[in-house]
Amino acid sequence: MTTSGKTLITHLRENPDRRTHACWCPELGLSASGDAPVLELCRKIMRLPAGIASPDAMMEVYRGQTLALRVKSISGAATLDIDKTRFRRGRADRRDEAAE
C-alpha cells in the first residue's frame, strides 16, 4: 500500500487518563500517543520502508467528524517538537545548531 500523492486520514482521541491523546492511521495500521501524538505519528511514518508512505503527503487529523488539523507535509511535521505552547525544530536540528 502506498500513499504517494494522497492525503492520509488520521483520527485523534483522548486517552482514558485524560492527560494524553492518541492518533491513529487506519490505512497504515499505525498509532501514536502522548503529548504530541500527531508529530509522533509523523515520525513513525517516516521510519517506514520506502514506498509505503510519501514523506511529502499531507495528513488530515479528525476528532470525531470534525477536521482538527491539516499537516502540510509528513516529513516537515516529523522534525517538529513541542515546547510547552509552541512548535520548535526537532532534536536532530538542535544538535546541528549546538555544533556550530
Protein backbone atom coordinates (compact mmCIF):
# COMPACT_ATOMS: atom_id res chain seq x y z
CA MET A 1 0.00 0.00 0.00
CA THR A 2 1.40 3.41 -0.95
CA THR A 3 0.24 6.90 -0.06
CA SER A 4 2.15 8.73 -2.77
CA GLY A 5 0.29 11.83 -3.88
CA LYS A 6 -2.62 11.44 -1.50
CA THR A 7 -3.75 12.74 1.84
CA LEU A 8 -3.59 10.39 4.82
CA ILE A 9 -6.67 10.45 7.04
CA THR A 10 -6.00 10.02 10.76
CA HIS A 11 -8.10 10.19 13.90
CA LEU A 12 -7.44 11.79 17.28
CA ARG A 13 -8.96 10.73 20.59
CA GLU A 14 -8.39 11.45 24.26
CA ASN A 15 -6.81 8.59 26.22
CA PRO A 16 -8.67 7.34 29.30
CA ASP A 17 -6.13 9.02 31.62
CA ARG A 18 -7.35 12.37 30.17
CA ARG A 19 -3.79 13.73 30.14
CA THR A 20 -2.69 12.50 26.74
CA HIS A 21 -4.15 11.91 23.31
CA ALA A 22 -3.77 9.17 20.73
CA CYS A 23 -3.64 9.50 16.96
CA TRP A 24 -4.05 6.58 14.59
CA CYS A 25 -3.97 5.97 10.86
CA PRO A 26 -6.19 3.02 9.91
CA GLU A 27 -4.77 2.89 6.37
CA LEU A 28 -1.22 2.22 7.62
CA GLY A 29 -2.17 0.44 10.84
CA LEU A 30 -0.08 2.84 12.93
CA SER A 31 -0.87 4.73 16.11
CA ALA A 32 0.93 7.06 18.49
CA SER A 33 0.07 8.61 21.83
CA GLY A 34 1.44 11.20 24.22
CA ASP A 35 1.60 14.98 24.43
CA ALA A 36 2.12 15.41 20.64
CA PRO A 37 0.65 12.27 19.06
CA VAL A 38 0.34 13.74 15.56
CA LEU A 39 4.04 14.62 15.46
CA GLU A 40 4.98 11.20 16.86
CA LEU A 41 2.80 9.51 14.22
CA CYS A 42 4.61 11.51 11.52
CA ARG A 43 7.95 10.29 12.91
CA LYS A 44 6.70 6.68 12.83
CA ILE A 45 5.55 7.09 9.24
CA MET A 46 8.98 8.45 8.27
CA ARG A 47 10.59 5.28 9.68
CA LEU A 48 8.51 3.04 7.37
CA PRO A 49 10.27 1.39 4.42
CA ALA A 50 10.48 3.47 1.23
CA GLY A 51 7.38 3.31 -0.93
CA ILE A 52 4.90 2.73 1.92
CA ALA A 53 4.16 6.40 2.58
CA SER A 54 5.25 9.54 0.79
CA PRO A 55 7.16 11.99 3.02
CA ASP A 56 5.52 14.82 1.07
CA ALA A 57 1.98 13.55 1.65
CA MET A 58 -0.45 15.69 3.58
CA MET A 59 -2.25 14.42 6.67
CA GLU A 60 -5.72 15.36 7.85
CA VAL A 61 -6.43 14.74 11.53
CA TYR A 62 -10.07 14.33 12.57
CA ARG A 63 -11.57 14.49 16.03
CA GLY A 64 -14.84 12.71 15.56
CA GLN A 65 -16.17 14.01 12.24
CA THR A 66 -14.51 17.42 12.60
CA LEU A 67 -11.26 18.29 10.82
CA ALA A 68 -8.99 19.32 13.70
CA LEU A 69 -5.62 19.72 11.98
CA ARG A 70 -4.14 19.62 8.49
CA VAL A 71 -0.46 18.69 8.24
CA LYS A 72 1.08 20.12 5.07
CA SER A 73 3.98 17.65 4.94
CA ILE A 74 4.58 14.50 6.99
CA SER A 75 8.36 14.95 6.71
CA GLY A 76 8.12 18.57 7.88
CA ALA A 77 5.96 17.69 10.88
CA ALA A 78 8.31 14.83 11.80
CA THR A 79 11.06 17.37 12.50
CA LEU A 80 8.92 19.44 14.88
CA ASP A 81 8.68 19.18 18.65
CA ILE A 82 6.51 20.93 21.23
CA ASP A 83 7.97 23.35 23.78
CA LYS A 84 5.02 23.81 26.16
CA THR A 85 2.96 26.15 23.97
CA ARG A 86 4.82 26.40 20.66
CA PHE A 87 6.46 24.34 17.95
CA ARG A 88 10.23 24.15 17.57
CA ARG A 89 12.66 22.24 15.41
CA GLY A 90 13.20 18.60 16.39
CA ARG A 91 16.15 17.25 18.34
CA ALA A 92 18.27 16.44 15.30
CA ASP A 93 18.15 20.08 14.19
CA ARG A 94 19.01 21.36 17.68
CA ARG A 95 22.12 19.09 17.77
CA ASP A 96 23.29 20.62 14.49
CA GLU A 97 22.88 24.14 15.90
CA ALA A 98 24.85 23.25 19.06
CA ALA A 99 27.79 22.09 16.95
CA GLU A 100 28.08 25.48 15.20
